[in-house]
Amino acid sequence: MKQFFRITAAVLAAAFLLALTGCGSSSSAPSFTWFVDTIPANLDPQVASAAPDVIACENLYSGLVRKKADGEIVPDLSESWTISSDGKTYTFQIKDGLTYKAVKGASTDHTITAEDFVFAFRRIFQPQTNSPYAVEFAALENSAAVLAGTADASTLGVSAAGPLTLVFRLSEKDDNFLAKLTLPGAMPCDEAFFESTRGTYGLTAKTTLSSGSFYLYNWTASGLFLRRDVSSPMIGSLRLVQNTGSTGKSAAQLIADEKCSAALDDTGEDTSLQSVAYSDTTWALLFNSAEGSVFSDQELRQALAGIARENVDVPSSGLYTAAEGLVPTGLSVDGIDYRKSARNPLPTITDPRTLYLNARQGMASSDFSGVTILLPKEAGLTELAEQINGAWQKDCSLFFSVEEVPQEEFDKRLAAGSYTIALAPIRTEGGSVYQMLQQFTAEGGGLTGWSDPIYSQRLAESAQQTGSARCALLADCERQLLEGCAVVPLLGQNRRLLVADGITGLVFDPFTPVLDLTDAQKN
């Protein structure tokens, strides 16, 4: 058993003003500032799922391998690895002499061994952990049984063949397994230290250990600050803070004003900055299909959906495109391009006006009283909502009020099902197609009130599959969901990452999400 080292560092209370000038590892090493919606709250890598938490964990912890800017998988805490001829057994040799760092880079007696990875993966599949990474490592032997509580954690397909030798056993081949080992959930966790934290692992500075190139320097209500011991031009500190003083400014202007080093932009304005384009959001019409709602009638939904899709123009402002499905282009499932694999899932609605007349049989005009089109006030899509509303009035003699509310109220009403029709952004959390589709199950929040046991069953089955089999099940779910027209994809919203001049080596993936500064430099 490895010796436990108790951290004795005092509670950190440096002011934000001091952190602005004092967060670099040294005066010679530049810093990198990234604005987050919320300050990271959970640095437990097996649990972290919110984007700020994941980005913090990616830089605070290292795994067996990591991904470089060009996509190449290279050793990190491992020296080397071998893969069996059938692709089901991975054996890693871990570097000798590695230790964790405590807050402010203090050294510890906690060594990094194969046991730490075994414990981390067993945590993923403990039902009480509720780890978002269980679905990614479903190919591990006995993972489903361990997660269900019908098999002991010791039967999971991960074991230590020696202090520095780690073995993974898969029940079926997973061609994307190495890439998955770069996820936060695959980072090591010292069991003795974890138990000593009494349920607060990764929730405070003193109950967090670093295994990565950065260590935790300061964590306050003002931000989370990581450092590492490097010299210029390497990035020496990472600052995750909120934009509290420059709201309303564009991403390009924030970078020009040196408020941040990189920022996400959805305006499409001209800029000479480095940029990486992607899409993580689909704007869709949502019909509240709960029992008792006028839109519980599928034929009515299909009719209105067909008319809406016929009359949608892509806005000229912003980075919008016509939606190719609910799931945006660019997402992958086990290394497979999902959109290319799933193809076009949008249903063909040939005669929506006849459908509407059929659906109206037995319905009274009073059934539509109180129906509104809800959308976020800040979205800038009022014209689109009115365009759709006008088409419904023309073809169906239906006209609804357009109700614009602040984003916070919109989110609350959507979650509570307190709407009739909504024009809503459906986002990918962590780039997961599964999570995106799960929002439309009762377990995932029942976003529209629509439900189907076959849909839920297929989605659950997809979590136990890998590769093309998982893609196919997810594609079936997406197609089934869209055929029911409780969800009607209209627009894909593109975004882009703008990066300050001189910064190189940054690894960015909006879907995982990844913002890895291991090789980042600023010249």
Protein backbone atom coordinates (compact mmCIF):
# COMPACT_ATOMS: atom_id res chain seq x y z
CA MET A 1 0.00 0.00 0.00
CA LYS A 2 1.38 3.37 -0.95
CA GLN A 3 2.09 5.79 1.88
CA PHE A 4 -0.50 8.52 2.37
CA PHE A 5 0.70 12.11 2.47
CA ARG A 6 -1.67 14.58 4.10
CA ILE A 7 -1.72 18.03 2.48
CA THR A 8 -1.22 20.80 5.02
CA ALA A 9 -1.43 23.83 2.73
CA ALA A 10 -3.62 26.62 4.07
CA VAL A 11 -6.84 27.61 2.38
CA LEU A 12 -5.98 29.78 -0.61
CA ALA A 13 -7.44 33.29 -0.61
CA ALA A 14 -5.48 35.36 -3.12
CA ALA A 15 -7.56 38.17 -4.59
CA PHE A 16 -8.54 38.13 -8.25
CA LEU A 17 -6.62 41.34 -8.85
CA LEU A 18 -3.43 39.70 -7.65
CA ALA A 19 -4.21 36.58 -9.66
CA LEU A 20 -4.30 38.65 -12.82
CA THR A 21 -0.63 39.49 -12.47
CA GLY A 22 0.56 36.58 -10.40
CA CYS A 23 -0.74 33.49 -12.15
CA GLY A 24 2.18 32.84 -14.48
CA SER A 25 4.71 30.22 -13.42
CA SER A 26 7.31 32.93 -13.78
CA SER A 27 7.64 36.35 -15.34
CA SER A 28 9.27 34.71 -18.36
CA ALA A 29 6.45 32.25 -19.10
CA PRO A 30 3.30 33.69 -20.70
CA SER A 31 -0.19 32.98 -19.40
CA PHE A 32 -3.34 31.85 -21.19
CA THR A 33 -6.76 33.18 -20.20
CA TRP A 34 -9.99 31.37 -21.08
CA PHE A 35 -13.45 32.68 -20.23
CA VAL A 36 -15.86 30.12 -18.75
CA ASP A 37 -19.60 30.37 -18.12
CA THR A 38 -19.08 29.18 -14.56
CA ILE A 39 -15.95 28.72 -12.45
CA PRO A 40 -14.96 25.02 -12.37
CA ALA A 41 -16.70 23.36 -9.44
CA ASN A 42 -15.65 19.69 -9.65
CA LEU A 43 -12.11 18.50 -10.37
CA ASP A 44 -12.90 14.82 -9.89
CA PRO A 45 -11.86 13.49 -13.33
CA GLN A 46 -14.09 10.41 -13.16
CA VAL A 47 -17.14 12.64 -12.61
CA ALA A 48 -16.37 15.95 -14.37
CA SER A 49 -18.84 16.63 -17.19
CA ALA A 50 -19.45 20.40 -17.33
CA ALA A 51 -17.19 22.02 -19.94
CA PRO A 52 -15.22 24.22 -17.47
CA ASP A 53 -14.61 21.21 -15.19
CA VAL A 54 -13.48 19.00 -18.07
CA ILE A 55 -11.08 21.63 -19.45
CA ALA A 56 -9.57 22.11 -15.99
CA CYS A 57 -9.16 18.34 -15.56
CA GLU A 58 -7.52 17.92 -18.96
CA ASN A 59 -4.71 20.25 -17.93
CA LEU A 60 -4.54 19.23 -14.28
CA TYR A 61 -4.32 15.49 -14.94
CA SER A 62 -2.41 13.33 -17.39
CA GLY A 63 -3.38 9.87 -18.59
CA LEU A 64 -1.62 6.99 -20.24
CA VAL A 65 -1.68 8.79 -23.60
CA ARG A 66 -2.58 12.20 -24.96
CA LYS A 67 -3.57 13.66 -28.30
CA LYS A 68 -1.34 16.16 -30.08
CA ALA A 69 -2.58 19.09 -32.18
CA ASP A 70 -2.33 16.99 -35.37
CA GLY A 71 -4.45 14.21 -33.81
CA GLU A 72 -1.57 11.79 -33.21
CA ILE A 73 -1.88 9.68 -30.04
CA VAL A 74 1.42 9.74 -28.12
CA PRO A 75 2.60 8.39 -24.74
CA ASP A 76 1.98 10.55 -21.70
CA LEU A 77 2.32 8.77 -18.35
CA SER A 78 3.06 5.53 -20.19
CA GLU A 79 6.35 4.64 -21.85
CA SER A 80 4.87 2.27 -24.39
CA TRP A 81 2.00 -0.10 -25.09
CA THR A 82 1.18 -3.21 -27.06
CA ILE A 83 -2.10 -4.37 -28.59
CA SER A 84 -2.92 -8.04 -29.05
CA SER A 85 -3.51 -9.42 -32.54
CA ASP A 86 -7.28 -9.61 -31.97
CA GLY A 87 -7.37 -5.99 -30.77
CA LYS A 88 -8.91 -6.91 -27.41
CA THR A 89 -5.97 -6.65 -25.01
CA TYR A 90 -3.98 -3.47 -24.38
CA THR A 91 -0.87 -3.63 -22.19
CA PHE A 92 0.76 -0.40 -20.98
CA GLN A 93 4.11 0.15 -19.35
CA ILE A 94 3.91 3.17 -17.03
CA LYS A 95 6.88 5.47 -16.49
CA ASP A 96 8.80 4.90 -13.26
CA GLY A 97 9.21 7.56 -10.58
CA LEU A 98 6.04 9.57 -11.31
CA THR A 99 4.39 11.31 -8.36
CA TYR A 100 1.35 13.50 -7.85
CA LYS A 101 1.64 17.19 -6.98
CA ALA A 102 -0.40 18.96 -4.32
CA VAL A 103 -1.68 22.53 -4.35
CA LYS A 104 0.92 25.16 -5.38
CA GLY A 105 3.05 22.37 -6.82
CA ALA A 106 4.03 20.88 -3.47
CA SER A 107 5.62 17.46 -3.83
CA THR A 108 3.96 14.38 -2.32
CA ASP A 109 4.83 10.79 -1.51
CA HIS A 110 1.94 9.58 -3.68
CA THR A 111 3.47 7.67 -6.58
CA ILE A 112 1.55 7.01 -9.79
CA THR A 113 1.22 3.29 -10.42
CA ALA A 114 -0.96 0.87 -12.37
CA GLU A 115 -3.16 0.49 -9.29
CA ASP A 116 -4.27 4.10 -9.65
CA PHE A 117 -5.67 3.43 -13.10
CA VAL A 118 -7.38 0.25 -11.94
CA PHE A 119 -9.05 2.18 -9.12
CA ALA A 120 -10.06 5.01 -11.49
CA PHE A 121 -11.78 2.63 -13.92
CA ARG A 122 -13.52 0.73 -11.16
CA ARG A 123 -14.87 4.06 -9.93
CA ILE A 124 -16.28 4.77 -13.40
CA PHE A 125 -18.39 1.63 -13.21
CA GLN A 126 -19.58 1.96 -9.63
CA PRO A 127 -23.29 2.83 -9.96
CA GLN A 128 -23.04 5.44 -7.18
CA THR A 129 -20.33 7.34 -9.09
CA ASN A 130 -22.76 8.10 -11.94
CA SER A 131 -19.80 8.68 -14.23
CA PRO A 132 -20.49 10.08 -17.71
CA TYR A 133 -17.56 8.00 -18.99
CA ALA A 134 -19.12 4.57 -18.45
CA VAL A 135 -20.70 4.65 -21.91
CA GLU A 136 -17.33 5.42 -23.53
CA PHE A 137 -15.63 2.38 -21.99
CA ALA A 138 -18.51 -0.06 -22.45
CA ALA A 139 -16.19 -2.40 -24.41
CA LEU A 140 -14.30 -3.35 -21.22
CA GLU A 141 -14.97 -6.91 -20.11
CA ASN A 142 -17.87 -7.23 -17.64
CA SER A 143 -18.45 -3.46 -17.63
CA ALA A 144 -22.23 -3.76 -18.00
CA ALA A 145 -22.52 -6.28 -15.18
CA VAL A 146 -20.31 -4.24 -12.85
CA LEU A 147 -22.30 -1.09 -13.62
CA ALA A 148 -25.56 -2.94 -12.98
CA GLY A 149 -24.22 -4.21 -9.66
CA THR A 150 -24.47 -7.88 -10.65
CA ALA A 151 -20.70 -8.45 -10.79
CA ASP A 152 -17.87 -7.46 -8.48
CA ALA A 153 -15.66 -4.54 -9.53
CA SER A 154 -12.65 -6.90 -9.51
CA THR A 155 -14.06 -8.65 -12.60
CA LEU A 156 -13.84 -5.47 -14.70
CA GLY A 157 -11.46 -5.82 -17.65
CA VAL A 158 -8.65 -3.70 -16.17
CA SER A 159 -5.89 -5.03 -13.92
CA ALA A 160 -2.35 -4.36 -12.72
CA ALA A 161 0.13 -7.02 -13.84
CA GLY A 162 2.78 -5.27 -11.75
CA PRO A 163 3.36 -1.86 -10.17
CA LEU A 164 3.99 -0.29 -13.59
CA THR A 165 2.13 -2.68 -15.93
CA LEU A 166 -1.53 -2.07 -16.72
CA VAL A 167 -3.72 -4.42 -18.76
CA PHE A 168 -7.09 -3.68 -20.39
CA ARG A 169 -9.24 -6.58 -21.63
CA LEU A 170 -12.07 -5.77 -24.03
CA SER A 171 -15.06 -7.96 -24.73
CA GLU A 172 -15.02 -6.70 -28.31
CA LYS A 173 -12.60 -4.68 -30.42
CA ASP A 174 -12.84 -0.90 -30.10
CA ASP A 175 -10.76 0.90 -32.73
CA ASN A 176 -11.11 4.18 -30.85
CA PHE A 177 -10.00 2.84 -27.46
CA LEU A 178 -6.66 4.69 -27.43
CA ALA A 179 -8.34 8.02 -28.17
CA LYS A 180 -10.82 7.40 -25.34
CA LEU A 181 -7.92 7.02 -22.93
CA THR A 182 -7.32 10.77 -23.33
CA LEU A 183 -10.68 11.51 -21.64
CA PRO A 184 -10.64 12.80 -18.03
CA GLY A 185 -12.35 9.64 -16.81
CA ALA A 186 -9.25 7.64 -17.76
CA MET A 187 -6.95 9.71 -15.53
CA PRO A 188 -5.37 7.99 -12.48
CA CYS A 189 -6.82 8.25 -8.99
CA ASP A 190 -4.89 7.35 -5.84
CA GLU A 191 -7.18 5.15 -3.73
CA ALA A 192 -5.66 6.03 -0.35
CA PHE A 193 -5.84 9.74 -1.04
CA PHE A 194 -9.38 9.40 -2.41
CA GLU A 195 -10.57 7.62 0.74
CA SER A 196 -8.89 10.23 2.94
CA THR A 197 -10.97 13.02 1.38
CA ARG A 198 -14.20 11.54 2.80
CA GLY A 199 -16.37 12.34 -0.19
CA THR A 200 -14.77 15.68 -1.11
CA TYR A 201 -12.27 14.42 -3.69
CA GLY A 202 -11.69 17.12 -6.31
CA LEU A 203 -14.07 19.55 -4.63
CA THR A 204 -11.48 21.67 -2.78
CA ALA A 205 -7.87 22.65 -3.36
CA LYS A 206 -6.57 20.49 -0.53
CA THR A 207 -8.49 17.41 -1.69
CA THR A 208 -7.07 17.59 -5.23
CA LEU A 209 -3.83 16.10 -6.55
CA SER A 210 -2.31 16.77 -9.95
CA SER A 211 -0.86 14.15 -12.28
CA GLY A 212 -0.53 16.48 -15.29
CA SER A 213 1.92 19.05 -16.56
CA PHE A 214 0.00 21.77 -14.67
CA TYR A 215 -0.74 21.87 -10.95
CA LEU A 216 -3.44 23.67 -9.01
CA TYR A 217 -2.20 27.06 -7.85
CA ASN A 218 -5.32 28.88 -6.75
CA TRP A 219 -9.05 28.15 -6.71
CA THR A 220 -11.43 30.86 -5.55
CA ALA A 221 -14.80 32.30 -6.46
CA SER A 222 -12.91 34.53 -8.92
CA GLY A 223 -11.43 31.71 -10.95
CA LEU A 224 -9.29 28.61 -11.17
CA PHE A 225 -5.58 29.09 -11.84
CA LEU A 226 -3.12 26.41 -12.91
CA ARG A 227 0.66 26.72 -13.20
CA ARG A 228 3.61 24.72 -14.40
CA ASP A 229 7.36 25.12 -14.23
CA VAL A 230 8.37 26.07 -17.77
CA SER A 231 10.11 28.96 -19.49
CA SER A 232 9.05 31.20 -22.35
CA PRO A 233 7.75 30.67 -25.00
CA MET A 234 5.84 27.78 -23.34
CA ILE A 235 2.55 28.77 -21.71
CA GLY A 236 3.23 28.75 -17.97
CA SER A 237 -0.22 29.34 -16.52
CA LEU A 238 -3.84 28.72 -17.39
CA ARG A 239 -6.50 31.06 -16.01
CA LEU A 240 -10.16 29.95 -16.12
CA VAL A 241 -12.22 33.02 -15.22
CA GLN A 242 -15.57 34.61 -16.03
CA ASN A 243 -15.96 37.63 -18.27
CA THR A 244 -17.27 40.06 -15.67
CA GLY A 245 -15.96 43.36 -16.98
CA SER A 246 -16.20 43.25 -20.77
CA THR A 247 -19.65 41.87 -21.50
CA GLY A 248 -21.06 42.85 -24.86
CA LYS A 249 -17.69 42.84 -26.60
CA SER A 250 -17.06 40.47 -29.48
CA ALA A 251 -14.60 37.60 -29.20
CA ALA A 252 -12.19 39.38 -31.53
CA GLN A 253 -12.34 42.56 -29.45
CA LEU A 254 -11.77 40.67 -26.18
CA ILE A 255 -8.63 39.13 -27.66
CA ALA A 256 -7.49 42.46 -29.10
CA ASP A 257 -7.93 44.04 -25.66
CA GLU A 258 -5.88 41.17 -24.16
CA LYS A 259 -8.76 40.20 -21.88
CA CYS A 260 -8.41 36.59 -23.01
CA SER A 261 -6.12 34.50 -25.20
CA ALA A 262 -8.81 32.71 -27.19
CA ALA A 263 -12.58 32.95 -27.35
CA LEU A 264 -15.60 31.36 -29.00
CA ASP A 265 -17.38 33.43 -31.64
CA ASP A 266 -20.68 33.00 -33.47
CA THR A 267 -20.94 36.38 -35.21
CA GLY A 268 -19.06 35.58 -38.39
CA GLU A 269 -17.47 39.03 -38.45
CA ASP A 270 -14.30 39.48 -40.49
CA THR A 271 -11.09 38.90 -38.55
CA SER A 272 -7.44 38.17 -39.24
CA LEU A 273 -7.13 36.00 -36.12
CA GLN A 274 -6.50 32.27 -36.28
CA SER A 275 -9.82 30.40 -36.26
CA VAL A 276 -11.25 26.88 -36.03
CA ALA A 277 -14.87 26.45 -37.21
CA TYR A 278 -17.33 23.86 -35.87
CA SER A 279 -21.02 23.32 -35.09
CA ASP A 280 -22.30 22.22 -31.69
CA THR A 281 -25.90 23.50 -31.72
CA THR A 282 -29.05 22.79 -33.71
CA TRP A 283 -31.97 25.20 -33.50
CA ALA A 284 -35.19 23.25 -33.57
CA LEU A 285 -38.91 23.66 -33.12
CA LEU A 286 -40.10 21.75 -30.07
CA PHE A 287 -43.77 20.81 -29.75
CA ASN A 288 -44.87 20.01 -26.21
CA SER A 289 -46.23 16.53 -26.83
CA ALA A 290 -47.16 15.62 -23.27
CA GLU A 291 -50.44 13.81 -22.75
CA GLY A 292 -53.33 16.27 -22.82
CA SER A 293 -51.52 18.81 -25.02
CA VAL A 294 -53.00 19.70 -28.40
CA PHE A 295 -49.63 18.69 -29.85
CA SER A 296 -49.83 15.16 -28.52
CA ASP A 297 -51.37 14.48 -31.95
CA GLN A 298 -48.51 13.30 -34.18
CA GLU A 299 -50.32 14.10 -37.44
CA LEU A 300 -50.76 17.72 -36.33
CA ARG A 301 -47.08 18.00 -35.45
CA GLN A 302 -46.05 16.53 -38.78
CA ALA A 303 -48.27 18.98 -40.66
CA LEU A 304 -46.92 22.06 -38.88
CA ALA A 305 -43.37 20.71 -39.11
CA GLY A 306 -43.64 20.23 -42.85
CA ILE A 307 -44.97 23.75 -43.41
CA ALA A 308 -42.29 25.24 -41.15
CA ARG A 309 -39.47 23.48 -42.96
CA GLU A 310 -40.80 24.62 -46.35
CA ASN A 311 -40.71 28.24 -45.26
CA VAL A 312 -37.46 28.57 -43.32
CA ASP A 313 -34.80 30.86 -44.73
CA VAL A 314 -31.29 30.63 -43.32
CA PRO A 315 -30.56 33.97 -41.56
CA SER A 316 -28.00 36.09 -43.34
CA SER A 317 -26.42 37.23 -40.07
CA GLY A 318 -24.49 34.84 -37.86
CA LEU A 319 -22.96 31.50 -38.79
CA TYR A 320 -26.11 29.51 -39.64
CA THR A 321 -26.67 26.66 -42.09
CA ALA A 322 -29.70 24.54 -42.93
CA ALA A 323 -29.89 21.63 -40.47
CA GLU A 324 -29.03 18.21 -41.87
CA GLY A 325 -30.48 16.49 -38.83
CA LEU A 326 -30.73 17.03 -35.09
CA VAL A 327 -27.13 15.93 -34.52
CA PRO A 328 -24.72 18.54 -35.95
CA THR A 329 -22.11 17.68 -38.54
CA GLY A 330 -18.61 17.02 -37.23
CA LEU A 331 -19.51 14.78 -34.28
CA SER A 332 -17.96 11.33 -34.09
CA VAL A 333 -18.98 8.12 -32.37
CA ASP A 334 -16.08 5.80 -31.57
CA GLY A 335 -13.99 7.55 -34.21
CA ILE A 336 -16.71 7.28 -36.89
CA ASP A 337 -18.12 10.43 -38.49
CA TYR A 338 -21.68 10.16 -37.18
CA ARG A 339 -23.45 12.38 -39.71
CA LYS A 340 -21.88 10.57 -42.67
CA SER A 341 -22.71 7.20 -41.14
CA ALA A 342 -26.29 8.06 -40.12
CA ARG A 343 -27.05 9.97 -43.33
CA ASN A 344 -30.15 12.17 -43.65
CA PRO A 345 -32.67 11.43 -40.87
CA LEU A 346 -35.14 14.20 -41.77
CA PRO A 347 -38.59 12.76 -42.56
CA THR A 348 -40.25 13.40 -45.91
CA ILE A 349 -43.58 15.15 -45.38
CA THR A 350 -45.16 15.24 -48.83
CA ASP A 351 -48.48 17.01 -48.26
CA PRO A 352 -48.51 18.81 -44.91
CA ARG A 353 -51.68 20.79 -45.68
CA THR A 354 -53.73 17.63 -46.21
CA LEU A 355 -52.22 16.22 -43.03
CA TYR A 356 -53.34 19.34 -41.19
CA LEU A 357 -56.93 19.03 -42.43
CA ASN A 358 -57.01 15.42 -41.30
CA ALA A 359 -55.56 16.29 -37.91
CA ARG A 360 -58.10 19.08 -37.36
CA GLN A 361 -61.02 16.66 -37.55
CA GLY A 362 -62.64 16.77 -34.12
CA MET A 363 -60.52 19.71 -32.94
CA ALA A 364 -61.96 23.08 -32.02
CA SER A 365 -60.30 26.47 -32.44
CA SER A 366 -60.35 26.80 -28.67
CA ASP A 367 -57.91 23.87 -28.47
CA PHE A 368 -55.23 26.27 -29.73
CA SER A 369 -55.93 29.07 -27.28
CA GLY A 370 -52.88 29.95 -25.24
CA VAL A 371 -50.43 28.47 -27.75
CA THR A 372 -47.29 30.60 -28.08
CA ILE A 373 -43.91 30.29 -29.76
CA LEU A 374 -41.33 30.63 -26.99
CA LEU A 375 -37.75 31.66 -27.76
CA PRO A 376 -34.78 33.27 -25.98
CA LYS A 377 -34.81 37.06 -26.22
CA GLU A 378 -31.08 37.26 -26.98
CA ALA A 379 -31.14 34.66 -29.76
CA GLY A 380 -31.69 37.12 -32.63
CA LEU A 381 -34.15 34.73 -34.29
CA THR A 382 -37.34 36.76 -33.94
CA GLU A 383 -37.62 37.11 -37.71
CA LEU A 384 -37.37 33.34 -38.13
CA ALA A 385 -40.13 32.72 -35.57
CA GLU A 386 -42.38 35.28 -37.26
CA GLN A 387 -41.61 33.74 -40.65
CA ILE A 388 -42.81 30.32 -39.45
CA ASN A 389 -45.81 31.86 -37.70
CA GLY A 390 -46.79 33.65 -40.92
CA ALA A 391 -46.62 30.40 -42.91
CA TRP A 392 -48.91 28.67 -40.41
CA GLN A 393 -51.34 31.55 -40.62
CA LYS A 394 -51.35 31.44 -44.42
CA ASP A 395 -51.71 27.67 -44.82
CA CYS A 396 -53.65 26.73 -41.68
CA SER A 397 -55.31 29.95 -40.52
CA LEU A 398 -53.41 29.53 -37.27
CA PHE A 399 -51.60 32.44 -35.69
CA PHE A 400 -49.74 32.22 -32.39
CA SER A 401 -48.10 34.84 -30.20
CA VAL A 402 -44.31 34.99 -30.27
CA GLU A 403 -43.08 35.12 -26.69
CA GLU A 404 -39.48 36.19 -26.13
CA VAL A 405 -38.05 35.77 -22.64
CA PRO A 406 -34.57 36.10 -21.06
CA GLN A 407 -32.31 33.05 -21.46
CA GLU A 408 -32.52 32.05 -17.80
CA GLU A 409 -36.32 32.04 -17.84
CA PHE A 410 -36.33 30.23 -21.18
CA ASP A 411 -34.13 27.44 -19.81
CA LYS A 412 -36.32 27.03 -16.71
CA ARG A 413 -39.54 26.87 -18.67
CA LEU A 414 -38.10 24.41 -21.16
CA ALA A 415 -36.89 22.13 -18.37
CA ALA A 416 -40.27 22.34 -16.62
CA GLY A 417 -42.24 21.69 -19.82
CA SER A 418 -43.93 25.07 -19.36
CA TYR A 419 -44.36 25.88 -23.06
CA THR A 420 -46.48 24.84 -26.05
CA ILE A 421 -44.07 25.51 -28.94
CA ALA A 422 -40.44 26.54 -28.50
CA LEU A 423 -37.70 27.59 -30.88
CA ALA A 424 -34.80 26.19 -28.92
CA PRO A 425 -31.07 25.50 -29.22
CA ILE A 426 -30.34 21.79 -28.75
CA ARG A 427 -26.70 21.51 -27.80
CA THR A 428 -24.25 18.65 -27.63
CA GLU A 429 -22.89 18.17 -24.14
CA GLY A 430 -19.35 16.89 -24.40
CA GLY A 431 -19.85 16.07 -28.07
CA SER A 432 -21.95 13.05 -27.13
CA VAL A 433 -24.61 11.99 -29.64
CA TYR A 434 -26.00 9.70 -26.95
CA GLN A 435 -26.44 12.55 -24.45
CA MET A 436 -28.06 14.74 -27.10
CA LEU A 437 -30.67 12.10 -27.87
CA GLN A 438 -31.14 11.14 -24.22
CA GLN A 439 -32.68 14.56 -23.51
CA PHE A 440 -35.85 13.24 -25.16
CA THR A 441 -36.30 10.31 -22.78
CA ALA A 442 -37.99 10.46 -19.39
CA GLU A 443 -34.66 9.60 -17.75
CA GLY A 444 -32.90 12.42 -19.61
CA GLY A 445 -35.46 15.11 -18.75
CA GLY A 446 -38.25 14.45 -21.25
CA LEU A 447 -37.62 17.70 -23.09
CA THR A 448 -40.81 17.59 -25.20
CA GLY A 449 -42.95 15.14 -23.25
CA TRP A 450 -42.72 12.72 -26.19
CA SER A 451 -41.84 9.17 -25.23
CA ASP A 452 -41.58 5.78 -26.87
CA PRO A 453 -40.34 2.58 -25.16
CA ILE A 454 -38.66 1.39 -28.37
CA TYR A 455 -36.69 4.63 -28.56
CA SER A 456 -35.57 4.31 -24.94
CA GLN A 457 -34.63 0.66 -25.45
CA ARG A 458 -32.57 1.36 -28.56
CA LEU A 459 -30.79 4.22 -26.85
CA ALA A 460 -29.96 2.04 -23.84
CA GLU A 461 -28.66 -0.70 -26.16
CA SER A 462 -26.41 1.81 -27.94
CA ALA A 463 -24.57 2.42 -24.66
CA GLN A 464 -23.53 -1.24 -24.62
CA GLN A 465 -22.24 -1.29 -28.20
CA THR A 466 -19.20 0.17 -29.93
CA GLY A 467 -18.22 1.34 -33.40
CA SER A 468 -20.63 0.93 -36.32
CA ALA A 469 -23.14 -0.99 -34.19
CA ARG A 470 -23.44 1.95 -31.79
CA CYS A 471 -23.68 4.40 -34.70
CA ALA A 472 -26.50 2.39 -36.27
CA LEU A 473 -28.56 2.27 -33.08
CA LEU A 474 -28.10 5.99 -32.47
CA ALA A 475 -29.08 6.71 -36.08
CA ASP A 476 -32.25 4.64 -35.65
CA CYS A 477 -33.07 6.68 -32.54
CA GLU A 478 -32.52 10.01 -34.29
CA ARG A 479 -34.64 8.95 -37.25
CA GLN A 480 -37.46 7.72 -35.00
CA LEU A 481 -37.40 10.91 -32.94
CA LEU A 482 -37.58 13.17 -35.98
CA GLU A 483 -40.32 11.14 -37.68
CA GLY A 484 -42.52 11.84 -34.68
CA CYS A 485 -41.93 15.60 -35.24
CA ALA A 486 -41.91 16.50 -31.57
CA VAL A 487 -38.49 17.88 -32.55
CA VAL A 488 -38.04 19.65 -35.88
CA PRO A 489 -34.43 20.63 -36.75
CA LEU A 490 -34.25 23.91 -38.66
CA LEU A 491 -30.80 25.48 -38.43
CA GLY A 492 -27.29 24.40 -37.60
CA GLN A 493 -25.45 27.11 -35.69
CA ASN A 494 -21.76 27.24 -36.45
CA ARG A 495 -19.22 28.69 -34.10
CA ARG A 496 -15.50 29.20 -34.28
CA LEU A 497 -12.59 29.45 -31.93
CA LEU A 498 -10.56 32.63 -32.38
CA VAL A 499 -6.98 32.48 -31.11
CA ALA A 500 -4.58 35.33 -30.36
CA ASP A 501 -1.65 35.81 -32.73
CA GLY A 502 1.52 33.96 -31.77
CA ILE A 503 -0.14 31.08 -29.92
CA THR A 504 0.75 27.66 -31.32
CA GLY A 505 0.44 24.03 -30.19
CA LEU A 506 -3.03 24.44 -28.68
CA VAL A 507 -5.13 21.28 -28.86
CA PHE A 508 -8.79 22.18 -29.26
CA ASP A 509 -11.84 19.96 -29.72
CA PRO A 510 -15.18 21.63 -28.94
CA PHE A 511 -17.05 18.34 -28.66
CA THR A 512 -15.09 16.53 -25.99
CA PRO A 513 -14.47 19.41 -24.96
CA VAL A 514 -10.69 19.78 -25.13
CA LEU A 515 -8.51 22.81 -24.52
CA ASP A 516 -5.11 21.23 -23.88
CA LEU A 517 -2.12 23.51 -23.31
CA THR A 518 0.54 20.83 -22.85
CA ASP A 519 2.42 21.90 -26.00
CA ALA A 520 1.09 25.47 -26.18
CA GLN A 521 3.50 28.33 -26.78
CA LYS A 522 3.18 32.08 -27.23
CA ASN A 523 5.82 33.71 -29.39
